[in-house]
PDB file of all heavy atoms in Angstrom:
ATOM      1  N   TYR A   1     154.985 189.659 156.437  1.00  0.00           N
ATOM      2  CA  TYR A   1     155.772 190.624 155.677  1.00  0.00           C
ATOM      3  C   TYR A   1     156.907 191.151 156.565  1.00  0.00           C
ATOM      4  O   TYR A   1     156.915 190.929 157.787  1.00  0.00           O
ATOM      5  CB  TYR A   1     154.891 191.785 155.201  1.00  0.00           C
ATOM      6  CG  TYR A   1     154.036 191.457 153.999  1.00  0.00           C
ATOM      7  CD1 TYR A   1     152.640 191.447 154.085  1.00  0.00           C
ATOM      8  CD2 TYR A   1     154.615 191.166 152.768  1.00  0.00           C
ATOM      9  CE1 TYR A   1     151.850 191.146 152.978  1.00  0.00           C
ATOM     10  CE2 TYR A   1     153.833 190.869 151.651  1.00  0.00           C
ATOM     11  CZ  TYR A   1     152.455 190.860 151.772  1.00  0.00           C
ATOM     12  OH  TYR A   1     151.691 190.556 150.675  1.00  0.00           O
ATOM     13  N   GLY A   2     157.821 191.887 155.961  1.00  0.00           N
ATOM     14  CA  GLY A   2     158.981 192.388 156.706  1.00  0.00           C
ATOM     15  C   GLY A   2     158.697 193.660 157.485  1.00  0.00           C
ATOM     16  O   GLY A   2     159.535 194.575 157.516  1.00  0.00           O
ATOM     17  N   TYR A   3     157.574 193.713 158.168  1.00  0.00           N
ATOM     18  CA  TYR A   3     157.190 194.898 158.951  1.00  0.00           C
ATOM     19  C   TYR A   3     158.214 195.237 160.029  1.00  0.00           C
ATOM     20  O   TYR A   3     158.348 196.397 160.446  1.00  0.00           O
ATOM     21  CB  TYR A   3     155.824 194.661 159.611  1.00  0.00           C
ATOM     22  CG  TYR A   3     155.868 193.621 160.709  1.00  0.00           C
ATOM     23  CD1 TYR A   3     156.141 193.983 162.018  1.00  0.00           C
ATOM     24  CD2 TYR A   3     155.690 192.267 160.418  1.00  0.00           C
ATOM     25  CE1 TYR A   3     156.219 193.024 163.016  1.00  0.00           C
ATOM     26  CE2 TYR A   3     155.776 191.309 161.398  1.00  0.00           C
ATOM     27  CZ  TYR A   3     156.037 191.691 162.707  1.00  0.00           C
ATOM     28  OH  TYR A   3     156.134 190.744 163.683  1.00  0.00           O
ATOM     29  N   HIS A   4     158.932 194.221 160.514  1.00  0.00           N
ATOM     30  CA  HIS A   4     159.886 194.403 161.613  1.00  0.00           C
ATOM     31  C   HIS A   4     161.211 194.997 161.155  1.00  0.00           C
ATOM     32  O   HIS A   4     161.987 195.463 161.973  1.00  0.00           O
ATOM     33  CB  HIS A   4     160.133 193.070 162.299  1.00  0.00           C
ATOM     34  CG  HIS A   4     160.346 191.938 161.347  1.00  0.00           C
ATOM     35  ND1 HIS A   4     161.425 191.862 160.491  1.00  0.00           N
ATOM     36  CD2 HIS A   4     159.585 190.838 161.087  1.00  0.00           C
ATOM     37  CE1 HIS A   4     161.340 190.771 159.760  1.00  0.00           C
ATOM     38  NE2 HIS A   4     160.224 190.120 160.087  1.00  0.00           N
ATOM     39  N   GLY A   5     161.487 194.937 159.843  1.00  0.00           N
ATOM     40  CA  GLY A   5     162.679 195.589 159.320  1.00  0.00           C
ATOM     41  C   GLY A   5     163.911 194.717 159.191  1.00  0.00           C
ATOM     42  O   GLY A   5     164.952 195.193 158.726  1.00  0.00           O
ATOM     43  N   TYR A   6     163.845 193.453 159.584  1.00  0.00           N
ATOM     44  CA  TYR A   6     165.044 192.607 159.596  1.00  0.00           C
ATOM     45  C   TYR A   6     165.208 191.773 158.326  1.00  0.00           C
ATOM     46  O   TYR A   6     166.075 190.904 158.279  1.00  0.00           O
ATOM     47  CB  TYR A   6     165.024 191.707 160.837  1.00  0.00           C
ATOM     48  CG  TYR A   6     165.168 192.501 162.112  1.00  0.00           C
ATOM     49  CD1 TYR A   6     164.057 192.851 162.867  1.00  0.00           C
ATOM     50  CD2 TYR A   6     166.422 192.941 162.543  1.00  0.00           C
ATOM     51  CE1 TYR A   6     164.176 193.597 164.029  1.00  0.00           C
ATOM     52  CE2 TYR A   6     166.556 193.692 163.699  1.00  0.00           C
ATOM     53  CZ  TYR A   6     165.432 194.016 164.438  1.00  0.00           C
ATOM     54  OH  TYR A   6     165.559 194.783 165.580  1.00  0.00           O
ATOM     55  N   TRP A   7     164.381 192.026 157.297  1.00  0.00           N
ATOM     56  CA  TRP A   7     164.457 191.273 156.047  1.00  0.00           C
ATOM     57  C   TRP A   7     164.839 192.205 154.900  1.00  0.00           C
ATOM     58  O   TRP A   7     164.034 192.551 154.045  1.00  0.00           O
ATOM     59  CB  TRP A   7     163.117 190.582 155.759  1.00  0.00           C
ATOM     60  CG  TRP A   7     162.820 189.454 156.712  1.00  0.00           C
ATOM     61  CD1 TRP A   7     163.666 188.879 157.604  1.00  0.00           C
ATOM     62  CD2 TRP A   7     161.566 188.765 156.842  1.00  0.00           C
ATOM     63  NE1 TRP A   7     163.035 187.870 158.290  1.00  0.00           N
ATOM     64  CE2 TRP A   7     161.749 187.780 157.846  1.00  0.00           C
ATOM     65  CE3 TRP A   7     160.321 188.887 156.218  1.00  0.00           C
ATOM     66  CZ2 TRP A   7     160.715 186.912 158.228  1.00  0.00           C
ATOM     67  CZ3 TRP A   7     159.304 188.031 156.595  1.00  0.00           C
ATOM     68  CH2 TRP A   7     159.494 187.051 157.588  1.00  0.00           C
ATOM     69  N   ALA A   8     166.087 192.599 154.870  1.00  0.00           N
ATOM     70  CA  ALA A   8     166.545 193.608 153.906  1.00  0.00           C
ATOM     71  C   ALA A   8     166.498 193.104 152.469  1.00  0.00           C
ATOM     72  O   ALA A   8     166.850 191.958 152.178  1.00  0.00           O
ATOM     73  CB  ALA A   8     167.972 194.038 154.251  1.00  0.00           C
ATOM     74  N   LYS A   9     166.087 193.984 151.582  1.00  0.00           N
ATOM     75  CA  LYS A   9     166.166 193.785 150.144  1.00  0.00           C
ATOM     76  C   LYS A   9     167.196 194.721 149.534  1.00  0.00           C
ATOM     77  O   LYS A   9     167.924 194.363 148.621  1.00  0.00           O
ATOM     78  CB  LYS A   9     164.799 194.039 149.496  1.00  0.00           C
ATOM     79  CG  LYS A   9     164.755 193.823 147.975  1.00  0.00           C
ATOM     80  CD  LYS A   9     163.364 194.138 147.423  1.00  0.00           C
ATOM     81  CE  LYS A   9     163.288 193.872 145.925  1.00  0.00           C
ATOM     82  NZ  LYS A   9     163.256 192.405 145.643  1.00  0.00           N
ATOM     83  N   ASP A  10     167.254 195.966 150.076  1.00  0.00           N
ATOM     84  CA  ASP A  10     168.189 196.972 149.574  1.00  0.00           C
ATOM     85  C   ASP A  10     168.601 197.865 150.731  1.00  0.00           C
ATOM     86  O   ASP A  10     167.802 198.661 151.235  1.00  0.00           O
ATOM     87  CB  ASP A  10     167.524 197.790 148.460  1.00  0.00           C
ATOM     88  CG  ASP A  10     168.466 198.809 147.832  1.00  0.00           C
ATOM     89  OD1 ASP A  10     169.587 198.990 148.353  1.00  0.00           O
ATOM     90  OD2 ASP A  10     168.073 199.440 146.832  1.00  0.00           O
ATOM     91  N   TRP A  11     169.863 197.732 151.163  1.00  0.00           N
ATOM     92  CA  TRP A  11     170.361 198.507 152.305  1.00  0.00           C
ATOM     93  C   TRP A  11     170.488 199.998 151.983  1.00  0.00           C
ATOM     94  O   TRP A  11     170.621 200.807 152.893  1.00  0.00           O
ATOM     95  CB  TRP A  11     171.727 197.975 152.735  1.00  0.00           C
ATOM     96  CG  TRP A  11     171.723 196.808 153.659  1.00  0.00           C
ATOM     97  CD1 TRP A  11     171.777 196.857 155.038  1.00  0.00           C
ATOM     98  CD2 TRP A  11     171.701 195.414 153.328  1.00  0.00           C
ATOM     99  NE1 TRP A  11     171.790 195.578 155.569  1.00  0.00           N
ATOM    100  CE2 TRP A  11     171.741 194.675 154.532  1.00  0.00           C
ATOM    101  CE3 TRP A  11     171.639 194.714 152.123  1.00  0.00           C
ATOM    102  CZ2 TRP A  11     171.734 193.282 154.584  1.00  0.00           C
ATOM    103  CZ3 TRP A  11     171.631 193.312 152.169  1.00  0.00           C
ATOM    104  CH2 TRP A  11     171.672 192.619 153.366  1.00  0.00           C
ATOM    105  N   THR A  12     170.451 200.377 150.722  1.00  0.00           N
ATOM    106  CA  THR A  12     170.677 201.773 150.356  1.00  0.00           C
ATOM    107  C   THR A  12     169.389 202.583 150.295  1.00  0.00           C
ATOM    108  O   THR A  12     169.439 203.806 150.133  1.00  0.00           O
ATOM    109  CB  THR A  12     171.379 201.881 148.985  1.00  0.00           C
ATOM    110  OG1 THR A  12     170.485 201.465 147.945  1.00  0.00           O
ATOM    111  CG2 THR A  12     172.629 201.024 148.947  1.00  0.00           C
ATOM    112  N   SER A  13     168.252 201.935 150.404  1.00  0.00           N
ATOM    113  CA  SER A  13     166.964 202.625 150.313  1.00  0.00           C
ATOM    114  C   SER A  13     166.184 202.471 151.612  1.00  0.00           C
ATOM    115  O   SER A  13     166.330 201.472 152.317  1.00  0.00           O
ATOM    116  CB  SER A  13     166.108 202.044 149.176  1.00  0.00           C
ATOM    117  OG  SER A  13     166.709 202.236 147.921  1.00  0.00           O
ATOM    118  N   LEU A  14     165.342 203.449 151.905  1.00  0.00           N
ATOM    119  CA  LEU A  14     164.398 203.297 152.995  1.00  0.00           C
ATOM    120  C   LEU A  14     163.122 202.651 152.463  1.00  0.00           C
ATOM    121  O   LEU A  14     162.726 202.887 151.322  1.00  0.00           O
ATOM    122  CB  LEU A  14     164.051 204.654 153.618  1.00  0.00           C
ATOM    123  CG  LEU A  14     164.878 205.047 154.851  1.00  0.00           C
ATOM    124  CD1 LEU A  14     166.345 205.138 154.512  1.00  0.00           C
ATOM    125  CD2 LEU A  14     164.368 206.347 155.445  1.00  0.00           C
ATOM    126  N   ASP A  15     162.510 201.840 153.287  1.00  0.00           N
ATOM    127  CA  ASP A  15     161.245 201.246 152.867  1.00  0.00           C
ATOM    128  C   ASP A  15     160.163 202.318 152.932  1.00  0.00           C
ATOM    129  O   ASP A  15     159.997 202.975 153.967  1.00  0.00           O
ATOM    130  CB  ASP A  15     160.862 200.073 153.782  1.00  0.00           C
ATOM    131  CG  ASP A  15     159.789 199.217 153.159  1.00  0.00           C
ATOM    132  OD1 ASP A  15     158.641 199.700 153.058  1.00  0.00           O
ATOM    133  OD2 ASP A  15     160.086 198.079 152.744  1.00  0.00           O
ATOM    134  N   PRO A  16     159.411 202.520 151.841  1.00  0.00           N
ATOM    135  CA  PRO A  16     158.396 203.585 151.839  1.00  0.00           C
ATOM    136  C   PRO A  16     157.305 203.397 152.879  1.00  0.00           C
ATOM    137  O   PRO A  16     156.636 204.365 153.233  1.00  0.00           O
ATOM    138  CB  PRO A  16     157.836 203.536 150.409  1.00  0.00           C
ATOM    139  CG  PRO A  16     158.230 202.206 149.862  1.00  0.00           C
ATOM    140  CD  PRO A  16     159.516 201.851 150.536  1.00  0.00           C
ATOM    141  N   ASN A  17     157.130 202.183 153.377  1.00  0.00           N
ATOM    142  CA  ASN A  17     156.172 202.004 154.477  1.00  0.00           C
ATOM    143  C   ASN A  17     156.621 202.765 155.718  1.00  0.00           C
ATOM    144  O   ASN A  17     155.789 203.209 156.518  1.00  0.00           O
ATOM    145  CB  ASN A  17     156.007 200.527 154.815  1.00  0.00           C
ATOM    146  CG  ASN A  17     154.914 199.861 154.009  1.00  0.00           C
ATOM    147  OD1 ASN A  17     155.115 199.581 152.830  1.00  0.00           O
ATOM    148  ND2 ASN A  17     153.772 199.624 154.610  1.00  0.00           N
ATOM    149  N   PHE A  18     157.923 202.921 155.886  1.00  0.00           N
ATOM    150  CA  PHE A  18     158.448 203.652 157.037  1.00  0.00           C
ATOM    151  C   PHE A  18     158.595 205.143 156.742  1.00  0.00           C
ATOM    152  O   PHE A  18     158.504 205.962 157.657  1.00  0.00           O
ATOM    153  CB  PHE A  18     159.791 203.077 157.466  1.00  0.00           C
ATOM    154  CG  PHE A  18     159.765 201.606 157.778  1.00  0.00           C
ATOM    155  CD1 PHE A  18     160.748 200.754 157.297  1.00  0.00           C
ATOM    156  CD2 PHE A  18     158.751 201.060 158.543  1.00  0.00           C
ATOM    157  CE1 PHE A  18     160.731 199.398 157.568  1.00  0.00           C
ATOM    158  CE2 PHE A  18     158.710 199.700 158.836  1.00  0.00           C
ATOM    159  CZ  PHE A  18     159.703 198.870 158.337  1.00  0.00           C
ATOM    160  N   GLY A  19     158.847 205.475 155.481  1.00  0.00           N
ATOM    161  CA  GLY A  19     158.998 206.881 155.128  1.00  0.00           C
ATOM    162  C   GLY A  19     160.126 207.107 154.146  1.00  0.00           C
ATOM    163  O   GLY A  19     160.628 206.175 153.515  1.00  0.00           O
ATOM    164  N   THR A  20     160.544 208.345 154.052  1.00  0.00           N
ATOM    165  CA  THR A  20     161.574 208.753 153.100  1.00  0.00           C
ATOM    166  C   THR A  20     162.847 209.160 153.840  1.00  0.00           C
ATOM    167  O   THR A  20     162.863 209.308 155.060  1.00  0.00           O
ATOM    168  CB  THR A  20     161.091 209.957 152.278  1.00  0.00           C
ATOM    169  OG1 THR A  20     160.927 211.079 153.169  1.00  0.00           O
ATOM    170  CG2 THR A  20     159.755 209.654 151.600  1.00  0.00           C
ATOM    171  N   LYS A  21     163.904 209.405 153.063  1.00  0.00           N
ATOM    172  CA  LYS A  21     165.140 209.885 153.684  1.00  0.00           C
ATOM    173  C   LYS A  21     164.946 211.274 154.278  1.00  0.00           C
ATOM    174  O   LYS A  21     165.571 211.615 155.291  1.00  0.00           O
ATOM    175  CB  LYS A  21     166.277 209.867 152.663  1.00  0.00           C
ATOM    176  CG  LYS A  21     166.748 208.462 152.329  1.00  0.00           C
ATOM    177  CD  LYS A  21     168.026 208.453 151.502  1.00  0.00           C
ATOM    178  CE  LYS A  21     168.538 207.021 151.315  1.00  0.00           C
ATOM    179  NZ  LYS A  21     169.809 206.948 150.562  1.00  0.00           N
ATOM    180  N   ALA A  22     164.073 212.051 153.671  1.00  0.00           N
ATOM    181  CA  ALA A  22     163.752 213.366 154.251  1.00  0.00           C
ATOM    182  C   ALA A  22     163.082 213.191 155.612  1.00  0.00           C
ATOM    183  O   ALA A  22     163.339 213.955 156.552  1.00  0.00           O
ATOM    184  CB  ALA A  22     162.852 214.152 153.302  1.00  0.00           C
ATOM    185  N   ASP A  23     162.230 212.175 155.728  1.00  0.00           N
ATOM    186  CA  ASP A  23     161.580 211.892 157.015  1.00  0.00           C
ATOM    187  C   ASP A  23     162.607 211.500 158.068  1.00  0.00           C
ATOM    188  O   ASP A  23     162.523 211.923 159.234  1.00  0.00           O
ATOM    189  CB  ASP A  23     160.560 210.764 156.865  1.00  0.00           C
ATOM    190  CG  ASP A  23     159.385 211.134 155.976  1.00  0.00           C
ATOM    191  OD1 ASP A  23     159.096 212.332 155.839  1.00  0.00           O
ATOM    192  OD2 ASP A  23     158.758 210.202 155.422  1.00  0.00           O
ATOM    193  N   LEU A  24     163.577 210.669 157.661  1.00  0.00           N
ATOM    194  CA  LEU A  24     164.617 210.255 158.609  1.00  0.00           C
ATOM    195  C   LEU A  24     165.458 211.447 159.035  1.00  0.00           C
ATOM    196  O   LEU A  24     165.786 211.599 160.221  1.00  0.00           O
ATOM    197  CB  LEU A  24     165.496 209.180 157.973  1.00  0.00           C
ATOM    198  CG  LEU A  24     166.638 208.647 158.847  1.00  0.00           C
ATOM    199  CD1 LEU A  24     166.104 208.035 160.132  1.00  0.00           C
ATOM    200  CD2 LEU A  24     167.480 207.615 158.077  1.00  0.00           C
ATOM    201  N   LYS A  25     165.799 212.297 158.102  1.00  0.00           N
ATOM    202  CA  LYS A  25     166.581 213.489 158.423  1.00  0.00           C
ATOM    203  C   LYS A  25     165.825 214.375 159.419  1.00  0.00           C
ATOM    204  O   LYS A  25     166.401 214.855 160.404  1.00  0.00           O
ATOM    205  CB  LYS A  25     166.873 214.279 157.143  1.00  0.00           C
ATOM    206  CG  LYS A  25     167.683 215.557 157.334  1.00  0.00           C
ATOM    207  CD  LYS A  25     167.995 216.190 155.981  1.00  0.00           C
ATOM    208  CE  LYS A  25     168.862 217.440 156.136  1.00  0.00           C
ATOM    209  NZ  LYS A  25     168.116 218.541 156.768  1.00  0.00           N
ATOM    210  N   ASN A  26     164.532 214.577 159.187  1.00  0.00           N
ATOM    211  CA  ASN A  26     163.722 215.395 160.094  1.00  0.00           C
ATOM    212  C   ASN A  26     163.645 214.769 161.481  1.00  0.00           C
ATOM    213  O   ASN A  26     163.698 215.483 162.496  1.00  0.00           O
ATOM    214  CB  ASN A  26     162.311 215.571 159.526  1.00  0.00           C
ATOM    215  CG  ASN A  26     162.288 216.424 158.277  1.00  0.00           C
ATOM    216  OD1 ASN A  26     163.198 217.221 158.044  1.00  0.00           O
ATOM    217  ND2 ASN A  26     161.258 216.269 157.471  1.00  0.00           N
TER     218      ASN A  26
END
């Protein structure tokens, strides 16, 4: 699976496995 992050499906969204945009902001 794309656990490493280099297999983009949608550049505008964060993958929920990593978290949310609120998580990135924090």
